[in-house]
Amino acid sequence: MSRSRHTFFLGSGLSVDGTSAWPAVLTIHPDGSPRTALAFHLSGGPSAIAEQAATVERLAEAVTSWAKELRARADAEQDAVAKLAAAQAEIERLLAEQGGA
Protein backbone atom coordinates (compact mmCIF):
# COMPACT_ATOMS: atom_id res chain seq x y z
CA MET A 1 0.00 0.00 0.00
CA SER A 2 1.33 3.42 -0.87
CA ARG A 3 1.14 6.22 1.64
CA SER A 4 0.02 9.55 0.28
CA ARG A 5 -2.55 12.22 0.94
CA HIS A 6 -4.52 13.99 -1.75
CA THR A 7 -7.47 16.36 -1.59
CA PHE A 8 -10.28 16.20 -4.10
CA PHE A 9 -13.35 18.39 -3.99
CA LEU A 10 -16.55 16.48 -4.66
CA GLY A 11 -19.03 18.33 -6.84
CA SER A 12 -22.69 17.86 -7.56
CA GLY A 13 -21.68 16.02 -10.75
CA LEU A 14 -19.92 13.30 -8.74
CA SER A 15 -20.16 9.83 -10.20
CA VAL A 16 -19.16 6.53 -8.66
CA ASP A 17 -19.03 3.07 -10.12
CA GLY A 18 -17.52 -0.22 -9.20
CA THR A 19 -16.90 -3.68 -10.49
CA SER A 20 -17.32 -6.90 -8.56
CA ALA A 21 -15.49 -9.04 -11.11
CA TRP A 22 -11.82 -9.61 -10.41
CA PRO A 23 -10.02 -7.28 -10.01
CA ALA A 24 -12.67 -5.43 -8.01
CA VAL A 25 -12.32 -1.66 -8.37
CA LEU A 26 -14.27 1.29 -7.00
CA THR A 27 -13.92 4.35 -9.24
CA ILE A 28 -14.87 7.85 -8.13
CA HIS A 29 -15.09 10.73 -10.57
CA PRO A 30 -15.14 13.77 -8.23
CA ASP A 31 -16.54 16.13 -10.86
CA GLY A 32 -18.29 13.56 -13.04
CA SER A 33 -15.62 13.77 -15.70
CA PRO A 34 -14.16 10.47 -16.92
CA ARG A 35 -10.79 12.25 -17.15
CA THR A 36 -10.66 12.73 -13.37
CA ALA A 37 -10.78 9.43 -11.53
CA LEU A 38 -9.73 7.90 -8.26
CA ALA A 39 -9.52 4.13 -8.48
CA PHE A 40 -9.56 1.98 -5.34
CA HIS A 41 -8.48 -1.60 -5.92
CA LEU A 42 -9.26 -4.21 -3.29
CA SER A 43 -6.30 -6.15 -2.01
CA GLY A 44 -6.23 -9.93 -2.06
CA GLY A 45 -6.99 -12.32 -4.84
CA PRO A 46 -10.27 -13.65 -6.19
CA SER A 47 -10.48 -16.08 -3.25
CA ALA A 48 -10.59 -13.18 -0.72
CA ILE A 49 -14.09 -12.07 -1.72
CA ALA A 50 -15.55 -12.27 1.81
CA GLU A 51 -12.77 -10.07 3.21
CA GLN A 52 -13.18 -7.66 0.29
CA ALA A 53 -16.94 -7.46 0.89
CA ALA A 54 -16.29 -6.66 4.57
CA THR A 55 -13.86 -3.90 3.54
CA VAL A 56 -16.41 -2.34 1.19
CA GLU A 57 -19.11 -2.60 3.87
CA ARG A 58 -16.88 -0.68 6.32
CA LEU A 59 -16.36 2.00 3.67
CA ALA A 60 -20.10 2.19 2.98
CA GLU A 61 -20.89 2.49 6.70
CA ALA A 62 -18.39 5.35 7.10
CA VAL A 63 -19.76 7.22 4.07
CA THR A 64 -23.35 6.67 5.24
CA SER A 65 -22.49 7.99 8.70
CA TRP A 66 -20.84 11.05 7.15
CA ALA A 67 -23.90 11.66 4.96
CA LYS A 68 -26.24 11.39 7.97
CA GLU A 69 -24.15 13.94 9.89
CA LEU A 70 -24.22 16.34 6.95
CA ARG A 71 -27.98 15.85 6.49
CA ALA A 72 -28.59 16.52 10.20
CA ARG A 73 -26.55 19.72 9.97
CA ALA A 74 -28.40 20.84 6.83
CA ASP A 75 -31.76 20.09 8.48
CA ALA A 76 -30.76 22.02 11.62
CA GLU A 77 -29.69 25.02 9.54
CA GLN A 78 -32.92 24.92 7.54
CA ASP A 79 -34.92 24.73 10.79
CA ALA A 80 -33.02 27.72 12.21
CA VAL A 81 -33.73 29.76 9.07
CA ALA A 82 -37.43 28.88 9.28
CA LYS A 83 -37.58 29.85 12.98
CA LEU A 84 -35.83 33.13 12.27
CA ALA A 85 -38.27 33.93 9.47
CA ALA A 86 -41.20 33.12 11.78
CA ALA A 87 -39.76 35.35 14.51
CA GLN A 88 -39.25 38.21 12.03
CA ALA A 89 -42.84 37.83 10.82
CA GLU A 90 -44.08 37.90 14.42
CA ILE A 91 -42.08 41.06 15.14
CA GLU A 92 -43.57 42.72 12.06
CA ARG A 93 -47.06 41.65 13.13
CA LEU A 94 -46.59 43.05 16.63
CA LEU A 95 -45.22 46.32 15.28
CA ALA A 96 -48.19 46.59 12.92
CA GLU A 97 -50.58 46.02 15.86
CA GLN A 98 -48.94 48.85 17.74
CA GLY A 99 -49.27 51.14 14.77
CA GLY A 100 -45.69 50.80 13.65
CA ALA A 101 -44.26 52.05 16.93
PDB file of N, CA and C in Angstrom:
ATOM      1  N   MET A   1       0.849  -1.170   0.000  1.00  0.00           N
ATOM      2  CA  MET A   1       0.000   0.000   0.000  1.00  0.00           C
ATOM      3  C   MET A   1       0.894   1.233   0.000  1.00  0.00           C
ATOM      4  N   SER A   2       0.580   2.178  -0.855  1.00  0.00           N
ATOM      5  CA  SER A   2       1.332   3.416  -0.872  1.00  0.00           C
ATOM      6  C   SER A   2       0.746   4.380   0.146  1.00  0.00           C
ATOM      7  N   ARG A   3       1.596   5.241   0.659  1.00  0.00           N
ATOM      8  CA  ARG A   3       1.143   6.223   1.635  1.00  0.00           C
ATOM      9  C   ARG A   3       1.218   7.604   0.998  1.00  0.00           C
ATOM     10  N   SER A   4       0.076   8.203   0.823  1.00  0.00           N
ATOM     11  CA  SER A   4       0.023   9.552   0.281  1.00  0.00           C
ATOM     12  C   SER A   4      -1.285  10.190   0.696  1.00  0.00           C
ATOM     13  N   ARG A   5      -1.324  11.494   0.582  1.00  0.00           N
ATOM     14  CA  ARG A   5      -2.546  12.219   0.935  1.00  0.00           C
ATOM     15  C   ARG A   5      -2.847  13.180  -0.201  1.00  0.00           C
ATOM     16  N   HIS A   6      -4.071  13.127  -0.681  1.00  0.00           N
ATOM     17  CA  HIS A   6      -4.521  13.993  -1.752  1.00  0.00           C
ATOM     18  C   HIS A   6      -5.888  14.546  -1.384  1.00  0.00           C
ATOM     19  N   THR A   7      -6.173  15.741  -1.830  1.00  0.00           N
ATOM     20  CA  THR A   7      -7.468  16.356  -1.586  1.00  0.00           C
ATOM     21  C   THR A   7      -8.202  16.516  -2.907  1.00  0.00           C
ATOM     22  N   PHE A   8      -9.422  16.039  -2.935  1.00  0.00           N
ATOM     23  CA  PHE A   8     -10.282  16.197  -4.100  1.00  0.00           C
ATOM     24  C   PHE A   8     -11.582  16.812  -3.616  1.00  0.00           C
ATOM     25  N   PHE A   9     -12.088  17.768  -4.348  1.00  0.00           N
ATOM     26  CA  PHE A   9     -13.352  18.392  -3.995  1.00  0.00           C
ATOM     27  C   PHE A   9     -14.464  17.706  -4.776  1.00  0.00           C
ATOM     28  N   LEU A  10     -15.441  17.199  -4.046  1.00  0.00           N
ATOM     29  CA  LEU A  10     -16.551  16.482  -4.657  1.00  0.00           C
ATOM     30  C   LEU A  10     -17.623  17.478  -5.066  1.00  0.00           C
ATOM     31  N   GLY A  11     -18.011  17.428  -6.320  1.00  0.00           N
ATOM     32  CA  GLY A  11     -19.025  18.335  -6.838  1.00  0.00           C
ATOM     33  C   GLY A  11     -20.361  17.645  -6.999  1.00  0.00           C
ATOM     34  N   SER A  12     -21.351  18.420  -7.380  1.00  0.00           N
ATOM     35  CA  SER A  12     -22.692  17.860  -7.563  1.00  0.00           C
ATOM     36  C   SER A  12     -22.739  16.888  -8.737  1.00  0.00           C
ATOM     37  N   GLY A  13     -21.738  16.938  -9.617  1.00  0.00           N
ATOM     38  CA  GLY A  13     -21.681  16.017 -10.753  1.00  0.00           C
ATOM     39  C   GLY A  13     -20.959  14.719 -10.443  1.00  0.00           C
ATOM     40  N   LEU A  14     -20.630  14.503  -9.175  1.00  0.00           N
ATOM     41  CA  LEU A  14     -19.918  13.296  -8.740  1.00  0.00           C
ATOM     42  C   LEU A  14     -20.527  12.036  -9.338  1.00  0.00           C
ATOM     43  N   SER A  15     -19.668  11.140  -9.783  1.00  0.00           N
ATOM     44  CA  SER A  15     -20.165   9.829 -10.199  1.00  0.00           C
ATOM     45  C   SER A  15     -19.265   8.749  -9.604  1.00  0.00           C
ATOM     46  N   VAL A  16     -19.862   7.640  -9.301  1.00  0.00           N
ATOM     47  CA  VAL A  16     -19.164   6.525  -8.661  1.00  0.00           C
ATOM     48  C   VAL A  16     -19.612   5.245  -9.337  1.00  0.00           C
ATOM     49  N   ASP A  17     -18.660   4.388  -9.616  1.00  0.00           N
ATOM     50  CA  ASP A  17     -19.026   3.068 -10.124  1.00  0.00           C
ATOM     51  C   ASP A  17     -18.016   2.056  -9.620  1.00  0.00           C
ATOM     52  N   GLY A  18     -18.401   0.841  -9.671  1.00  0.00           N
ATOM     53  CA  GLY A  18     -17.524  -0.215  -9.197  1.00  0.00           C
ATOM     54  C   GLY A  18     -17.762  -1.504  -9.953  1.00  0.00           C
ATOM     55  N   THR A  19     -16.776  -2.365  -9.872  1.00  0.00           N
ATOM     56  CA  THR A  19     -16.898  -3.679 -10.488  1.00  0.00           C
ATOM     57  C   THR A  19     -16.731  -4.733  -9.409  1.00  0.00           C
ATOM     58  N   SER A  20     -17.470  -5.803  -9.520  1.00  0.00           N
ATOM     59  CA  SER A  20     -17.316  -6.897  -8.560  1.00  0.00           C
ATOM     60  C   SER A  20     -16.492  -8.029  -9.148  1.00  0.00           C
ATOM     61  N   ALA A  21     -16.333  -8.019 -10.473  1.00  0.00           N
ATOM     62  CA  ALA A  21     -15.489  -9.036 -11.109  1.00  0.00           C
ATOM     63  C   ALA A  21     -14.026  -8.753 -10.772  1.00  0.00           C
ATOM     64  N   TRP A  22     -13.228  -9.788 -10.734  1.00  0.00           N
ATOM     65  CA  TRP A  22     -11.823  -9.609 -10.411  1.00  0.00           C
ATOM     66  C   TRP A  22     -11.110  -8.909 -11.546  1.00  0.00           C
ATOM     67  N   PRO A  23     -10.293  -7.910 -11.296  1.00  0.00           N
ATOM     68  CA  PRO A  23     -10.017  -7.279 -10.005  1.00  0.00           C
ATOM     69  C   PRO A  23     -11.085  -6.242  -9.658  1.00  0.00           C
ATOM     70  N   ALA A  24     -11.602  -6.328  -8.442  1.00  0.00           N
ATOM     71  CA  ALA A  24     -12.670  -5.433  -8.007  1.00  0.00           C
ATOM     72  C   ALA A  24     -12.106  -4.027  -7.807  1.00  0.00           C
ATOM     73  N   VAL A  25     -12.782  -3.047  -8.412  1.00  0.00           N
ATOM     74  CA  VAL A  25     -12.324  -1.657  -8.370  1.00  0.00           C
ATOM     75  C   VAL A  25     -13.509  -0.741  -8.106  1.00  0.00           C
ATOM     76  N   LEU A  26     -13.311   0.221  -7.221  1.00  0.00           N
ATOM     77  CA  LEU A  26     -14.274   1.293  -7.005  1.00  0.00           C
ATOM     78  C   LEU A  26     -13.667   2.529  -7.652  1.00  0.00           C
ATOM     79  N   THR A  27     -14.413   3.168  -8.544  1.00  0.00           N
ATOM     80  CA  THR A  27     -13.919   4.351  -9.235  1.00  0.00           C
ATOM     81  C   THR A  27     -14.801   5.539  -8.894  1.00  0.00           C
ATOM     82  N   ILE A  28     -14.162   6.615  -8.462  1.00  0.00           N
ATOM     83  CA  ILE A  28     -14.874   7.845  -8.127  1.00  0.00           C
ATOM     84  C   ILE A  28     -14.400   8.928  -9.086  1.00  0.00           C
ATOM     85  N   HIS A  29     -15.363   9.583  -9.708  1.00  0.00           N
ATOM     86  CA  HIS A  29     -15.087  10.731 -10.569  1.00  0.00           C
ATOM     87  C   HIS A  29     -15.601  11.957  -9.804  1.00  0.00           C
ATOM     88  N   PRO A  30     -14.708  12.684  -9.116  1.00  0.00           N
ATOM     89  CA  PRO A  30     -15.140  13.769  -8.231  1.00  0.00           C
ATOM     90  C   PRO A  30     -16.012  14.826  -8.896  1.00  0.00           C
ATOM     91  N   ASP A  31     -15.769  15.102 -10.171  1.00  0.00           N
ATOM     92  CA  ASP A  31     -16.545  16.128 -10.860  1.00  0.00           C
ATOM     93  C   ASP A  31     -17.406  15.543 -11.976  1.00  0.00           C
ATOM     94  N   GLY A  32     -17.493  14.233 -12.025  1.00  0.00           N
ATOM     95  CA  GLY A  32     -18.290  13.563 -13.042  1.00  0.00           C
ATOM     96  C   GLY A  32     -17.564  13.352 -14.356  1.00  0.00           C
ATOM     97  N   SER A  33     -16.383  13.907 -14.468  1.00  0.00           N
ATOM     98  CA  SER A  33     -15.616  13.772 -15.703  1.00  0.00           C
ATOM     99  C   SER A  33     -14.858  12.451 -15.728  1.00  0.00           C
ATOM    100  N   PRO A  34     -14.914  11.722 -16.838  1.00  0.00           N
ATOM    101  CA  PRO A  34     -14.161  10.467 -16.918  1.00  0.00           C
ATOM    102  C   PRO A  34     -12.646  10.695 -16.913  1.00  0.00           C
ATOM    103  N   ARG A  35     -12.225  11.946 -17.156  1.00  0.00           N
ATOM    104  CA  ARG A  35     -10.788  12.248 -17.149  1.00  0.00           C
ATOM    105  C   ARG A  35     -10.237  12.369 -15.745  1.00  0.00           C
ATOM    106  N   THR A  36     -11.087  12.610 -14.757  1.00  0.00           N
ATOM    107  CA  THR A  36     -10.663  12.731 -13.370  1.00  0.00           C
ATOM    108  C   THR A  36     -11.201  11.524 -12.612  1.00  0.00           C
ATOM    109  N   ALA A  37     -10.309  10.647 -12.190  1.00  0.00           N
ATOM    110  CA  ALA A  37     -10.775   9.426 -11.533  1.00  0.00           C
ATOM    111  C   ALA A  37      -9.844   9.018 -10.401  1.00  0.00           C
ATOM    112  N   LEU A  38     -10.448   8.540  -9.339  1.00  0.00           N
ATOM    113  CA  LEU A  38      -9.732   7.895  -8.257  1.00  0.00           C
ATOM    114  C   LEU A  38     -10.153   6.442  -8.299  1.00  0.00           C
ATOM    115  N   ALA A  39      -9.205   5.564  -8.404  1.00  0.00           N
ATOM    116  CA  ALA A  39      -9.517   4.134  -8.478  1.00  0.00           C
ATOM    117  C   ALA A  39      -9.014   3.456  -7.212  1.00  0.00           C
ATOM    118  N   PHE A  40      -9.899   2.734  -6.552  1.00  0.00           N
ATOM    119  CA  PHE A  40      -9.562   1.985  -5.344  1.00  0.00           C
ATOM    120  C   PHE A  40      -9.663   0.504  -5.674  1.00  0.00           C
ATOM    121  N   HIS A  41      -8.533  -0.168  -5.637  1.00  0.00           N
ATOM    122  CA  HIS A  41      -8.481  -1.601  -5.918  1.00  0.00           C
ATOM    123  C   HIS A  41      -8.472  -2.348  -4.586  1.00  0.00           C
ATOM    124  N   LEU A  42      -9.231  -3.405  -4.509  1.00  0.00           N
ATOM    125  CA  LEU A  42      -9.264  -4.215  -3.293  1.00  0.00           C
ATOM    126  C   LEU A  42      -8.076  -5.161  -3.280  1.00  0.00           C
ATOM    127  N   SER A  43      -7.437  -5.241  -2.129  1.00  0.00           N
ATOM    128  CA  SER A  43      -6.296  -6.148  -2.012  1.00  0.00           C
ATOM    129  C   SER A  43      -6.773  -7.582  -1.865  1.00  0.00           C
ATOM    130  N   GLY A  44      -5.885  -8.514  -2.122  1.00  0.00           N
ATOM    131  CA  GLY A  44      -6.227  -9.933  -2.056  1.00  0.00           C
ATOM    132  C   GLY A  44      -6.651 -10.435  -3.414  1.00  0.00           C
ATOM    133  N   GLY A  45      -6.629 -11.707  -3.563  1.00  0.00           N
ATOM    134  CA  GLY A  45      -6.987 -12.323  -4.840  1.00  0.00           C
ATOM    135  C   GLY A  45      -8.462 -12.639  -4.923  1.00  0.00           C
ATOM    136  N   PRO A  46      -8.857 -13.298  -6.000  1.00  0.00           N
ATOM    137  CA  PRO A  46     -10.270 -13.654  -6.193  1.00  0.00           C
ATOM    138  C   PRO A  46     -10.837 -14.504  -5.063  1.00  0.00           C
ATOM    139  N   SER A  47      -9.989 -15.222  -4.331  1.00  0.00           N
ATOM    140  CA  SER A  47     -10.477 -16.080  -3.245  1.00  0.00           C
ATOM    141  C   SER A  47     -10.761 -15.289  -1.966  1.00  0.00           C
ATOM    142  N   ALA A  48     -10.404 -14.004  -1.924  1.00  0.00           N
ATOM    143  CA  ALA A  48     -10.592 -13.182  -0.718  1.00  0.00           C
ATOM    144  C   ALA A  48     -11.881 -12.369  -0.780  1.00  0.00           C
ATOM    145  N   ILE A  49     -12.877 -12.852  -1.491  1.00  0.00           N
ATOM    146  CA  ILE A  49     -14.086 -12.073  -1.723  1.00  0.00           C
ATOM    147  C   ILE A  49     -14.822 -11.704  -0.432  1.00  0.00           C
ATOM    148  N   ALA A  50     -14.854 -12.584   0.550  1.00  0.00           N
ATOM    149  CA  ALA A  50     -15.547 -12.274   1.808  1.00  0.00           C
ATOM    150  C   ALA A  50     -14.843 -11.129   2.532  1.00  0.00           C
ATOM    151  N   GLU A  51     -13.538 -11.146   2.572  1.00  0.00           N
ATOM    152  CA  GLU A  51     -12.769 -10.068   3.207  1.00  0.00           C
ATOM    153  C   GLU A  51     -12.960  -8.754   2.438  1.00  0.00           C
ATOM    154  N   GLN A  52     -12.983  -8.842   1.117  1.00  0.00           N
ATOM    155  CA  GLN A  52     -13.185  -7.656   0.295  1.00  0.00           C
ATOM    156  C   GLN A  52     -14.576  -7.067   0.522  1.00  0.00           C
ATOM    157  N   ALA A  53     -15.568  -7.927   0.629  1.00  0.00           N
ATOM    158  CA  ALA A  53     -16.936  -7.460   0.892  1.00  0.00           C
ATOM    159  C   ALA A  53     -16.993  -6.748   2.240  1.00  0.00           C
ATOM    160  N   ALA A  54     -16.320  -7.287   3.251  1.00  0.00           N
ATOM    161  CA  ALA A  54     -16.291  -6.657   4.569  1.00  0.00           C
ATOM    162  C   ALA A  54     -15.602  -5.291   4.502  1.00  0.00           C
ATOM    163  N   THR A  55     -14.565  -5.174   3.710  1.00  0.00           N
ATOM    164  CA  THR A  55     -13.858  -3.901   3.540  1.00  0.00           C
ATOM    165  C   THR A  55     -14.785  -2.863   2.916  1.00  0.00           C
ATOM    166  N   VAL A  56     -15.493  -3.259   1.870  1.00  0.00           N
ATOM    167  CA  VAL A  56     -16.410  -2.343   1.189  1.00  0.00           C
ATOM    168  C   VAL A  56     -17.563  -1.965   2.113  1.00  0.00           C
ATOM    169  N   GLU A  57     -18.039  -2.901   2.920  1.00  0.00           N
ATOM    170  CA  GLU A  57     -19.112  -2.600   3.872  1.00  0.00           C
ATOM    171  C   GLU A  57     -18.658  -1.570   4.899  1.00  0.00           C
ATOM    172  N   ARG A  58     -17.403  -1.673   5.376  1.00  0.00           N
ATOM    173  CA  ARG A  58     -16.875  -0.678   6.316  1.00  0.00           C
ATOM    174  C   ARG A  58     -16.823   0.701   5.653  1.00  0.00           C
ATOM    175  N   LEU A  59     -16.398   0.745   4.406  1.00  0.00           N
ATOM    176  CA  LEU A  59     -16.361   2.004   3.665  1.00  0.00           C
ATOM    177  C   LEU A  59     -17.768   2.579   3.524  1.00  0.00           C
ATOM    178  N   ALA A  60     -18.720   1.739   3.163  1.00  0.00           N
ATOM    179  CA  ALA A  60     -20.102   2.188   2.981  1.00  0.00           C
ATOM    180  C   ALA A  60     -20.684   2.712   4.295  1.00  0.00           C
ATOM    181  N   GLU A  61     -20.395   2.035   5.394  1.00  0.00           N
ATOM    182  CA  GLU A  61     -20.886   2.488   6.702  1.00  0.00           C
ATOM    183  C   GLU A  61     -20.309   3.853   7.059  1.00  0.00           C
ATOM    184  N   ALA A  62     -19.024   4.062   6.790  1.00  0.00           N
ATOM    185  CA  ALA A  62     -18.393   5.347   7.098  1.00  0.00           C
ATOM    186  C   ALA A  62     -18.990   6.466   6.246  1.00  0.00           C
ATOM    187  N   VAL A  63     -19.188   6.209   4.964  1.00  0.00           N
ATOM    188  CA  VAL A  63     -19.760   7.223   4.074  1.00  0.00           C
ATOM    189  C   VAL A  63     -21.209   7.508   4.463  1.00  0.00           C
ATOM    190  N   THR A  64     -21.965   6.480   4.822  1.00  0.00           N
ATOM    191  CA  THR A  64     -23.354   6.666   5.239  1.00  0.00           C
ATOM    192  C   THR A  64     -23.423   7.498   6.519  1.00  0.00           C
ATOM    193  N   SER A  65     -22.534   7.222   7.456  1.00  0.00           N
ATOM    194  CA  SER A  65     -22.491   7.988   8.701  1.00  0.00           C
ATOM    195  C   SER A  65     -22.169   9.454   8.419  1.00  0.00           C
ATOM    196  N   TRP A  66     -21.217   9.689   7.536  1.00  0.00           N
ATOM    197  CA  TRP A  66     -20.843  11.046   7.149  1.00  0.00           C
ATOM    198  C   TRP A  66     -22.036  11.757   6.518  1.00  0.00           C
ATOM    199  N   ALA A  67     -22.729  11.079   5.622  1.00  0.00           N
ATOM    200  CA  ALA A  67     -23.898  11.663   4.957  1.00  0.00           C
ATOM    201  C   ALA A  67     -24.992  12.002   5.969  1.00  0.00           C
ATOM    202  N   LYS A  68     -25.218  11.133   6.950  1.00  0.00           N
ATOM    203  CA  LYS A  68     -26.238  11.393   7.966  1.00  0.00           C
ATOM    204  C   LYS A  68     -25.876  12.622   8.796  1.00  0.00           C
ATOM    205  N   GLU A  69     -24.585  12.771   9.136  1.00  0.00           N
ATOM    206  CA  GLU A  69     -24.145  13.945   9.893  1.00  0.00           C
ATOM    207  C   GLU A  69     -24.369  15.221   9.079  1.00  0.00           C
ATOM    208  N   LEU A  70     -24.015  15.181   7.809  1.00  0.00           N
ATOM    209  CA  LEU A  70     -24.218  16.342   6.949  1.00  0.00           C
ATOM    210  C   LEU A  70     -25.705  16.663   6.795  1.00  0.00           C
ATOM    211  N   ARG A  71     -26.542  15.640   6.627  1.00  0.00           N
ATOM    212  CA  ARG A  71     -27.979  15.847   6.494  1.00  0.00           C
ATOM    213  C   ARG A  71     -28.546  16.454   7.765  1.00  0.00           C
ATOM    214  N   ALA A  72     -28.108  15.973   8.932  1.00  0.00           N
ATOM    215  CA  ALA A  72     -28.592  16.516  10.200  1.00  0.00           C
ATOM    216  C   ALA A  72     -28.201  17.991  10.329  1.00  0.00           C
ATOM    217  N   ARG A  73     -26.993  18.318   9.920  1.00  0.00           N
ATOM    218  CA  ARG A  73     -26.550  19.715   9.974  1.00  0.00           C
ATOM    219  C   ARG A  73     -27.374  20.579   9.019  1.00  0.00           C
ATOM    220  N   ALA A  74     -27.597  20.092   7.806  1.00  0.00           N
ATOM    221  CA  ALA A  74     -28.397  20.841   6.833  1.00  0.00           C
ATOM    222  C   ALA A  74     -29.819  21.037   7.347  1.00  0.00           C
ATOM    223  N   ASP A  75     -30.403  19.996   7.941  1.00  0.00           N
ATOM    224  CA  ASP A  75     -31.761  20.092   8.478  1.00  0.00           C
ATOM    225  C   ASP A  75     -31.824  21.096   9.627  1.00  0.00           C
ATOM    226  N   ALA A  76     -30.803  21.088  10.492  1.00  0.00           N
ATOM    227  CA  ALA A  76     -30.765  22.024  11.618  1.00  0.00           C
ATOM    228  C   ALA A  76     -30.645  23.461  11.117  1.00  0.00           C
ATOM    229  N   GLU A  77     -29.825  23.677  10.106  1.00  0.00           N
ATOM    230  CA  GLU A  77     -29.685  25.017   9.544  1.00  0.00           C
ATOM    231  C   GLU A  77     -30.988  25.477   8.900  1.00  0.00           C
ATOM    232  N   GLN A  78     -31.647  24.585   8.188  1.00  0.00           N
ATOM    233  CA  GLN A  78     -32.920  24.923   7.545  1.00  0.00           C
ATOM    234  C   GLN A  78     -33.977  25.244   8.609  1.00  0.00           C
ATOM    235  N   ASP A  79     -33.984  24.489   9.699  1.00  0.00           N
ATOM    236  CA  ASP A  79     -34.920  24.728  10.793  1.00  0.00           C
ATOM    237  C   ASP A  79     -34.645  26.090  11.433  1.00  0.00           C
ATOM    238  N   ALA A  80     -33.373  26.430  11.621  1.00  0.00           N
ATOM    239  CA  ALA A  80     -33.018  27.721  12.209  1.00  0.00           C
ATOM    240  C   ALA A  80     -33.462  28.872  11.313  1.00  0.00           C
ATOM    241  N   VAL A  81     -33.290  28.720  10.014  1.00  0.00           N
ATOM    242  CA  VAL A  81     -33.728  29.756   9.067  1.00  0.00           C
ATOM    243  C   VAL A  81     -35.242  29.924   9.137  1.00  0.00           C
ATOM    244  N   ALA A  82     -35.964  28.815   9.204  1.00  0.00           N
ATOM    245  CA  ALA A  82     -37.427  28.876   9.278  1.00  0.00           C
ATOM    246  C   ALA A  82     -37.875  29.545  10.579  1.00  0.00           C
ATOM    247  N   LYS A  83     -37.226  29.234  11.689  1.00  0.00           N
ATOM    248  CA  LYS A  83     -37.582  29.846  12.976  1.00  0.00           C
ATOM    249  C   LYS A  83     -37.285  31.334  12.970  1.00  0.00           C
ATOM    250  N   LEU A  84     -36.164  31.719  12.366  1.00  0.00           N
ATOM    251  CA  LEU A  84     -35.828  33.130  12.274  1.00  0.00           C
ATOM    252  C   LEU A  84     -36.857  33.879  11.432  1.00  0.00           C
ATOM    253  N   ALA A  85     -37.258  33.295  10.323  1.00  0.00           N
ATOM    254  CA  ALA A  85     -38.269  33.928   9.466  1.00  0.00           C
ATOM    255  C   ALA A  85     -39.587  34.072  10.224  1.00  0.00           C
ATOM    256  N   ALA A  86     -39.957  33.050  10.996  1.00  0.00           N
ATOM    257  CA  ALA A  86     -41.196  33.117  11.776  1.00  0.00           C
ATOM    258  C   ALA A  86     -41.093  34.202  12.846  1.00  0.00           C
ATOM    259  N   ALA A  87     -39.940  34.312  13.488  1.00  0.00           N
ATOM    260  CA  ALA A  87     -39.759  35.350  14.505  1.00  0.00           C
ATOM    261  C   ALA A  87     -39.822  36.742  13.877  1.00  0.00           C
ATOM    262  N   GLN A  88     -39.203  36.913  12.719  1.00  0.00           N
ATOM    263  CA  GLN A  88     -39.252  38.206  12.033  1.00  0.00           C
ATOM    264  C   GLN A  88     -40.687  38.562  11.645  1.00  0.00           C
ATOM    265  N   ALA A  89     -41.437  37.587  11.176  1.00  0.00           N
ATOM    266  CA  ALA A  89     -42.840  37.830  10.822  1.00  0.00           C
ATOM    267  C   ALA A  89     -43.649  38.221  12.058  1.00  0.00           C
ATOM    268  N   GLU A  90     -43.364  37.584  13.182  1.00  0.00           N
ATOM    269  CA  GLU A  90     -44.079  37.900  14.421  1.00  0.00           C
ATOM    270  C   GLU A  90     -43.732  39.310  14.893  1.00  0.00           C
ATOM    271  N   ILE A  91     -42.482  39.700  14.771  1.00  0.00           N
ATOM    272  CA  ILE A  91     -42.084  41.064  15.143  1.00  0.00           C
ATOM    273  C   ILE A  91     -42.812  42.078  14.268  1.00  0.00           C
ATOM    274  N   GLU A  92     -42.866  41.822  12.978  1.00  0.00           N
ATOM    275  CA  GLU A  92     -43.570  42.723  12.060  1.00  0.00           C
ATOM    276  C   GLU A  92     -45.053  42.797  12.401  1.00  0.00           C
ATOM    277  N   ARG A  93     -45.653  41.680  12.756  1.00  0.00           N
ATOM    278  CA  ARG A  93     -47.064  41.654  13.127  1.00  0.00           C
ATOM    279  C   ARG A  93     -47.306  42.486  14.392  1.00  0.00           C
ATOM    280  N   LEU A  94     -46.437  42.305  15.380  1.00  0.00           N
ATOM    281  CA  LEU A  94     -46.587  43.051  16.633  1.00  0.00           C
ATOM    282  C   LEU A  94     -46.399  44.541  16.413  1.00  0.00           C
ATOM    283  N   LEU A  95     -45.429  44.893  15.587  1.00  0.00           N
ATOM    284  CA  LEU A  95     -45.219  46.317  15.279  1.00  0.00           C
ATOM    285  C   LEU A  95     -46.421  46.903  14.556  1.00  0.00           C
ATOM    286  N   ALA A  96     -47.004  46.135  13.646  1.00  0.00           N
ATOM    287  CA  ALA A  96     -48.190  46.594  12.919  1.00  0.00           C
ATOM    288  C   ALA A  96     -49.359  46.787  13.871  1.00  0.00           C
ATOM    289  N   GLU A  97     -49.506  45.904  14.858  1.00  0.00           N
ATOM    290  CA  GLU A  97     -50.582  46.019  15.858  1.00  0.00           C
ATOM    291  C   GLU A  97     -50.432  47.285  16.669  1.00  0.00           C
ATOM    292  N   GLN A  98     -49.199  47.669  16.920  1.00  0.00           N
ATOM    293  CA  GLN A  98     -48.940  48.855  17.742  1.00  0.00           C
ATOM    294  C   GLN A  98     -48.897  50.116  16.882  1.00  0.00           C
ATOM    295  N   GLY A  99     -49.249  49.964  15.646  1.00  0.00           N
ATOM    296  CA  GLY A  99     -49.274  51.139  14.772  1.00  0.00           C
ATOM    297  C   GLY A  99     -47.896  51.514  14.251  1.00  0.00           C
ATOM    298  N   GLY A 100     -47.014  50.544  14.190  1.00  0.00           N
ATOM    299  CA  GLY A 100     -45.685  50.796  13.647  1.00  0.00           C
ATOM    300  C   GLY A 100     -44.735  51.430  14.636  1.00  0.00           C
ATOM    301  N   ALA A 101     -45.087  51.420  15.911  1.00  0.00           N
ATOM    302  CA  ALA A 101     -44.260  52.052  16.933  1.00  0.00           C
ATOM    303  C   ALA A 101     -42.944  51.364  17.112  1.00  0.00           C
TER     304      ALA A 101
END
